Amino acid sequence: MDQTADYITEEKRTELLAELKNLEGPKRKEIIDNLEYAKSLGDLSENAEYHQVREEQGKLEERIAKIKQILQSSQTMKAGGGDVVQMGSKVVVQKDGSKESKNYVIVGSEEADMVKGKISNHSPFGVALFGKKKGDTVTFQTPGGIVNYKIINVT
């Protein structure tokens, strides 16, 4: 797997396709209806409702374009497996000097969420882990300084 590529999980792809369907269908129709109503209120140069709906329409079209770009440029990844850290791998690590271990999943940047234990393959931590095996130690720079983690398990 190419670490520099953009990836999304099958779950994220399904989520984005559902959002796109909603935005291009009901949401777009709702904005068009609101736009027609706002136009009926009179002079467009001083019509706050019209300008607000046009702004919403711009944001909607921007989100639609973003989703299409993500779907077009991202590769769908399968769950990781094996003993080498790659996209979709579940990694258990232990920070130097700590007895506590932490679990992470390597995901694409669109799905990264540290609170949920999902780290991007493009993050410094993700880059350091990529290609390593159980028992390896990784070192990388953080805003607080250099940190070391030992890989306890890879699945």
C-alpha atoms as a PDB file:
ATOM      1  CA  MET A   1       0.000   0.000   0.000  1.00  0.00           C
ATOM      2  CA  ASP A   2       1.163   3.470  -0.864  1.00  0.00           C
ATOM      3  CA  GLN A   3       1.386   5.498   2.332  1.00  0.00           C
ATOM      4  CA  THR A   4       1.181   8.831   0.486  1.00  0.00           C
ATOM      5  CA  ALA A   5      -2.157   8.028  -1.188  1.00  0.00           C
ATOM      6  CA  ASP A   6      -5.504   9.177   0.174  1.00  0.00           C
ATOM      7  CA  TYR A   7      -7.645   6.403   1.628  1.00  0.00           C
ATOM      8  CA  ILE A   8     -11.132   6.014   3.043  1.00  0.00           C
ATOM      9  CA  THR A   9     -12.818   2.993   4.577  1.00  0.00           C
ATOM     10  CA  GLU A  10     -15.789   1.294   2.940  1.00  0.00           C
ATOM     11  CA  GLU A  11     -17.884   2.640   5.827  1.00  0.00           C
ATOM     12  CA  LYS A  12     -16.775   6.231   5.104  1.00  0.00           C
ATOM     13  CA  ARG A  13     -17.403   5.784   1.354  1.00  0.00           C
ATOM     14  CA  THR A  14     -20.965   4.616   2.083  1.00  0.00           C
ATOM     15  CA  GLU A  15     -21.475   7.555   4.462  1.00  0.00           C
ATOM     16  CA  LEU A  16     -20.214  10.061   1.862  1.00  0.00           C
ATOM     17  CA  LEU A  17     -22.385   8.566  -0.897  1.00  0.00           C
ATOM     18  CA  ALA A  18     -25.477   8.850   1.342  1.00  0.00           C
ATOM     19  CA  GLU A  19     -24.614  12.462   2.197  1.00  0.00           C
ATOM     20  CA  LEU A  20     -24.061  13.268  -1.494  1.00  0.00           C
ATOM     21  CA  LYS A  21     -27.429  11.742  -2.433  1.00  0.00           C
ATOM     22  CA  ASN A  22     -29.148  13.875   0.226  1.00  0.00           C
ATOM     23  CA  LEU A  23     -27.342  17.066  -0.756  1.00  0.00           C
ATOM     24  CA  GLU A  24     -27.941  16.657  -4.495  1.00  0.00           C
ATOM     25  CA  GLY A  25     -31.589  15.677  -3.959  1.00  0.00           C
ATOM     26  CA  PRO A  26     -33.759  16.966  -1.116  1.00  0.00           C
ATOM     27  CA  LYS A  27     -31.334  19.572   0.232  1.00  0.00           C
ATOM     28  CA  ARG A  28     -30.686  21.154  -3.181  1.00  0.00           C
ATOM     29  CA  LYS A  29     -34.448  21.248  -3.898  1.00  0.00           C
ATOM     30  CA  GLU A  30     -35.080  22.879  -0.516  1.00  0.00           C
ATOM     31  CA  ILE A  31     -32.551  25.618  -1.264  1.00  0.00           C
ATOM     32  CA  ILE A  32     -34.004  26.208  -4.747  1.00  0.00           C
ATOM     33  CA  ASP A  33     -37.493  26.531  -3.218  1.00  0.00           C
ATOM     34  CA  ASN A  34     -36.161  28.964  -0.596  1.00  0.00           C
ATOM     35  CA  LEU A  35     -34.409  30.933  -3.316  1.00  0.00           C
ATOM     36  CA  GLU A  36     -37.641  31.255  -5.330  1.00  0.00           C
ATOM     37  CA  TYR A  37     -39.473  32.438  -2.227  1.00  0.00           C
ATOM     38  CA  ALA A  38     -36.757  34.982  -1.401  1.00  0.00           C
ATOM     39  CA  LYS A  39     -36.873  36.321  -4.981  1.00  0.00           C
ATOM     40  CA  SER A  40     -40.611  36.859  -4.639  1.00  0.00           C
ATOM     41  CA  LEU A  41     -40.001  39.231  -1.709  1.00  0.00           C
ATOM     42  CA  GLY A  42     -38.872  42.018  -4.007  1.00  0.00           C
ATOM     43  CA  ASP A  43     -35.745  44.059  -4.708  1.00  0.00           C
ATOM     44  CA  LEU A  44     -32.787  41.646  -4.684  1.00  0.00           C
ATOM     45  CA  SER A  45     -30.198  44.309  -3.851  1.00  0.00           C
ATOM     46  CA  GLU A  46     -31.719  44.861  -0.404  1.00  0.00           C
ATOM     47  CA  ASN A  47     -33.167  41.395   0.142  1.00  0.00           C
ATOM     48  CA  ALA A  48     -31.390  39.797   3.119  1.00  0.00           C
ATOM     49  CA  GLU A  49     -33.292  36.515   2.760  1.00  0.00           C
ATOM     50  CA  TYR A  50     -32.159  36.194  -0.852  1.00  0.00           C
ATOM     51  CA  HIS A  51     -28.499  36.833   0.011  1.00  0.00           C
ATOM     52  CA  GLN A  52     -28.635  34.360   2.902  1.00  0.00           C
ATOM     53  CA  VAL A  53     -30.105  31.611   0.702  1.00  0.00           C
ATOM     54  CA  ARG A  54     -27.505  32.309  -2.007  1.00  0.00           C
ATOM     55  CA  GLU A  55     -24.789  31.892   0.635  1.00  0.00           C
ATOM     56  CA  GLU A  56     -26.342  28.589   1.758  1.00  0.00           C
ATOM     57  CA  GLN A  57     -26.482  27.498  -1.871  1.00  0.00           C
ATOM     58  CA  GLY A  58     -22.782  28.277  -2.289  1.00  0.00           C
ATOM     59  CA  LYS A  59     -21.897  26.245   0.804  1.00  0.00           C
ATOM     60  CA  LEU A  60     -24.038  23.346  -0.417  1.00  0.00           C
ATOM     61  CA  GLU A  61     -22.384  23.310  -3.852  1.00  0.00           C
ATOM     62  CA  GLU A  62     -18.953  23.562  -2.217  1.00  0.00           C
ATOM     63  CA  ARG A  63     -19.697  20.530  -0.003  1.00  0.00           C
ATOM     64  CA  ILE A  64     -21.002  18.551  -2.990  1.00  0.00           C
ATOM     65  CA  ALA A  65     -17.811  19.319  -4.920  1.00  0.00           C
ATOM     66  CA  LYS A  66     -15.671  18.353  -1.900  1.00  0.00           C
ATOM     67  CA  ILE A  67     -17.441  15.000  -1.477  1.00  0.00           C
ATOM     68  CA  LYS A  68     -17.099  14.233  -5.190  1.00  0.00           C
ATOM     69  CA  GLN A  69     -13.399  15.104  -5.042  1.00  0.00           C
ATOM     70  CA  ILE A  70     -12.866  12.834  -2.007  1.00  0.00           C
ATOM     71  CA  LEU A  71     -14.725   9.939  -3.645  1.00  0.00           C
ATOM     72  CA  GLN A  72     -12.828  10.368  -6.910  1.00  0.00           C
ATOM     73  CA  SER A  73      -9.330  10.772  -5.473  1.00  0.00           C
ATOM     74  CA  SER A  74      -9.465   8.326  -2.543  1.00  0.00           C
ATOM     75  CA  GLN A  75      -8.824   4.619  -2.633  1.00  0.00           C
ATOM     76  CA  THR A  76     -11.128   2.428  -0.589  1.00  0.00           C
ATOM     77  CA  MET A  77      -9.089   0.427   1.886  1.00  0.00           C
ATOM     78  CA  LYS A  78      -9.797  -2.954   3.330  1.00  0.00           C
ATOM     79  CA  ALA A  79      -9.257  -3.682   7.006  1.00  0.00           C
ATOM     80  CA  GLY A  80      -5.598  -4.187   7.833  1.00  0.00           C
ATOM     81  CA  GLY A  81      -4.124  -7.520   8.577  1.00  0.00           C
ATOM     82  CA  GLY A  82      -0.797  -9.193   9.018  1.00  0.00           C
ATOM     83  CA  ASP A  83       2.064  -8.197  11.226  1.00  0.00           C
ATOM     84  CA  VAL A  84       3.179  -5.012   9.425  1.00  0.00           C
ATOM     85  CA  VAL A  85       1.475  -1.661  10.117  1.00  0.00           C
ATOM     86  CA  GLN A  86      -0.434  -0.509   7.043  1.00  0.00           C
ATOM     87  CA  MET A  87      -3.722   1.193   6.184  1.00  0.00           C
ATOM     88  CA  GLY A  88      -6.503  -0.215   8.340  1.00  0.00           C
ATOM     89  CA  SER A  89      -4.125  -1.841  10.822  1.00  0.00           C
ATOM     90  CA  LYS A  90      -5.081  -1.890  14.479  1.00  0.00           C
ATOM     91  CA  VAL A  91      -1.988  -1.042  16.487  1.00  0.00           C
ATOM     92  CA  VAL A  92      -1.433  -1.349  20.224  1.00  0.00           C
ATOM     93  CA  VAL A  93       1.399   0.895  21.425  1.00  0.00           C
ATOM     94  CA  GLN A  94       3.015   1.805  24.723  1.00  0.00           C
ATOM     95  CA  LYS A  95       4.737   5.119  25.336  1.00  0.00           C
ATOM     96  CA  ASP A  96       8.230   4.984  26.863  1.00  0.00           C
ATOM     97  CA  GLY A  97       7.987   5.270  30.636  1.00  0.00           C
ATOM     98  CA  SER A  98       4.306   4.317  30.734  1.00  0.00           C
ATOM     99  CA  LYS A  99       2.687   1.036  31.703  1.00  0.00           C
ATOM    100  CA  GLU A 100      -0.526   1.965  29.914  1.00  0.00           C
ATOM    101  CA  SER A 101      -1.065   0.833  26.313  1.00  0.00           C
ATOM    102  CA  LYS A 102      -3.213   2.592  23.724  1.00  0.00           C
ATOM    103  CA  ASN A 103      -5.064   1.280  20.693  1.00  0.00           C
ATOM    104  CA  TYR A 104      -5.083   3.063  17.337  1.00  0.00           C
ATOM    105  CA  VAL A 105      -6.332   2.356  13.826  1.00  0.00           C
ATOM    106  CA  ILE A 106      -4.455   3.736  10.811  1.00  0.00           C
ATOM    107  CA  VAL A 107      -6.962   5.552   8.561  1.00  0.00           C
ATOM    108  CA  GLY A 108      -6.980   8.178   5.822  1.00  0.00           C
ATOM    109  CA  SER A 109      -6.923  11.858   6.718  1.00  0.00           C
ATOM    110  CA  GLU A 110     -10.680  12.258   6.089  1.00  0.00           C
ATOM    111  CA  GLU A 111     -11.451   9.872   8.954  1.00  0.00           C
ATOM    112  CA  ALA A 112      -8.741  10.798  11.460  1.00  0.00           C
ATOM    113  CA  ASP A 113     -10.091  11.323  14.976  1.00  0.00           C
ATOM    114  CA  MET A 114      -7.645  11.018  17.894  1.00  0.00           C
ATOM    115  CA  VAL A 115     -10.482  10.859  20.426  1.00  0.00           C
ATOM    116  CA  LYS A 116     -11.733   7.681  18.721  1.00  0.00           C
ATOM    117  CA  GLY A 117      -8.211   6.307  18.287  1.00  0.00           C
ATOM    118  CA  LYS A 118      -8.143   6.830  14.502  1.00  0.00           C
ATOM    119  CA  ILE A 119      -4.863   8.325  13.289  1.00  0.00           C
ATOM    120  CA  SER A 120      -4.093   9.531   9.794  1.00  0.00           C
ATOM    121  CA  ASN A 121      -1.464   7.827   7.693  1.00  0.00           C
ATOM    122  CA  HIS A 122      -0.194  11.363   6.953  1.00  0.00           C
ATOM    123  CA  SER A 123       0.225  12.387  10.620  1.00  0.00           C
ATOM    124  CA  PRO A 124       3.706  12.271  12.162  1.00  0.00           C
ATOM    125  CA  PHE A 125       2.618   9.322  14.339  1.00  0.00           C
ATOM    126  CA  GLY A 126       1.033   7.513  11.382  1.00  0.00           C
ATOM    127  CA  VAL A 127       4.158   8.062   9.258  1.00  0.00           C
ATOM    128  CA  ALA A 128       6.366   6.729  12.072  1.00  0.00           C
ATOM    129  CA  LEU A 129       4.224   3.600  12.530  1.00  0.00           C
ATOM    130  CA  PHE A 130       3.762   2.754   8.852  1.00  0.00           C
ATOM    131  CA  GLY A 131       5.695  -0.337   7.794  1.00  0.00           C
ATOM    132  CA  LYS A 132       6.807  -1.245  11.337  1.00  0.00           C
ATOM    133  CA  LYS A 133       6.184  -4.570  13.115  1.00  0.00           C
ATOM    134  CA  LYS A 134       5.311  -5.827  16.573  1.00  0.00           C
ATOM    135  CA  GLY A 135       8.243  -5.181  18.919  1.00  0.00           C
ATOM    136  CA  ASP A 136       9.595  -2.206  16.927  1.00  0.00           C
ATOM    137  CA  THR A 137      10.085   1.182  18.573  1.00  0.00           C
ATOM    138  CA  VAL A 138       9.040   4.345  16.749  1.00  0.00           C
ATOM    139  CA  THR A 139      10.257   7.865  17.400  1.00  0.00           C
ATOM    140  CA  PHE A 140       8.667  11.067  16.138  1.00  0.00           C
ATOM    141  CA  GLN A 141       8.518  14.785  16.856  1.00  0.00           C
ATOM    142  CA  THR A 142       5.544  16.353  18.645  1.00  0.00           C
ATOM    143  CA  PRO A 143       4.995  19.959  19.732  1.00  0.00           C
ATOM    144  CA  GLY A 144       6.068  18.811  23.222  1.00  0.00           C
ATOM    145  CA  GLY A 145       9.280  17.193  21.981  1.00  0.00           C
ATOM    146  CA  ILE A 146      10.438  13.814  20.734  1.00  0.00           C
ATOM    147  CA  VAL A 147       8.428  10.785  21.881  1.00  0.00           C
ATOM    148  CA  ASN A 148       9.055   7.042  21.651  1.00  0.00           C
ATOM    149  CA  TYR A 149       6.450   4.310  21.420  1.00  0.00           C
ATOM    150  CA  LYS A 150       6.893   0.550  21.402  1.00  0.00           C
ATOM    151  CA  ILE A 151       4.555  -1.458  19.195  1.00  0.00           C
ATOM    152  CA  ILE A 152       2.949  -4.106  21.370  1.00  0.00           C
ATOM    153  CA  ASN A 153       0.676  -5.677  18.742  1.00  0.00           C
ATOM    154  CA  VAL A 154      -0.477  -5.250  15.122  1.00  0.00           C
ATOM    155  CA  THR A 155      -3.668  -6.774  13.695  1.00  0.00           C
END
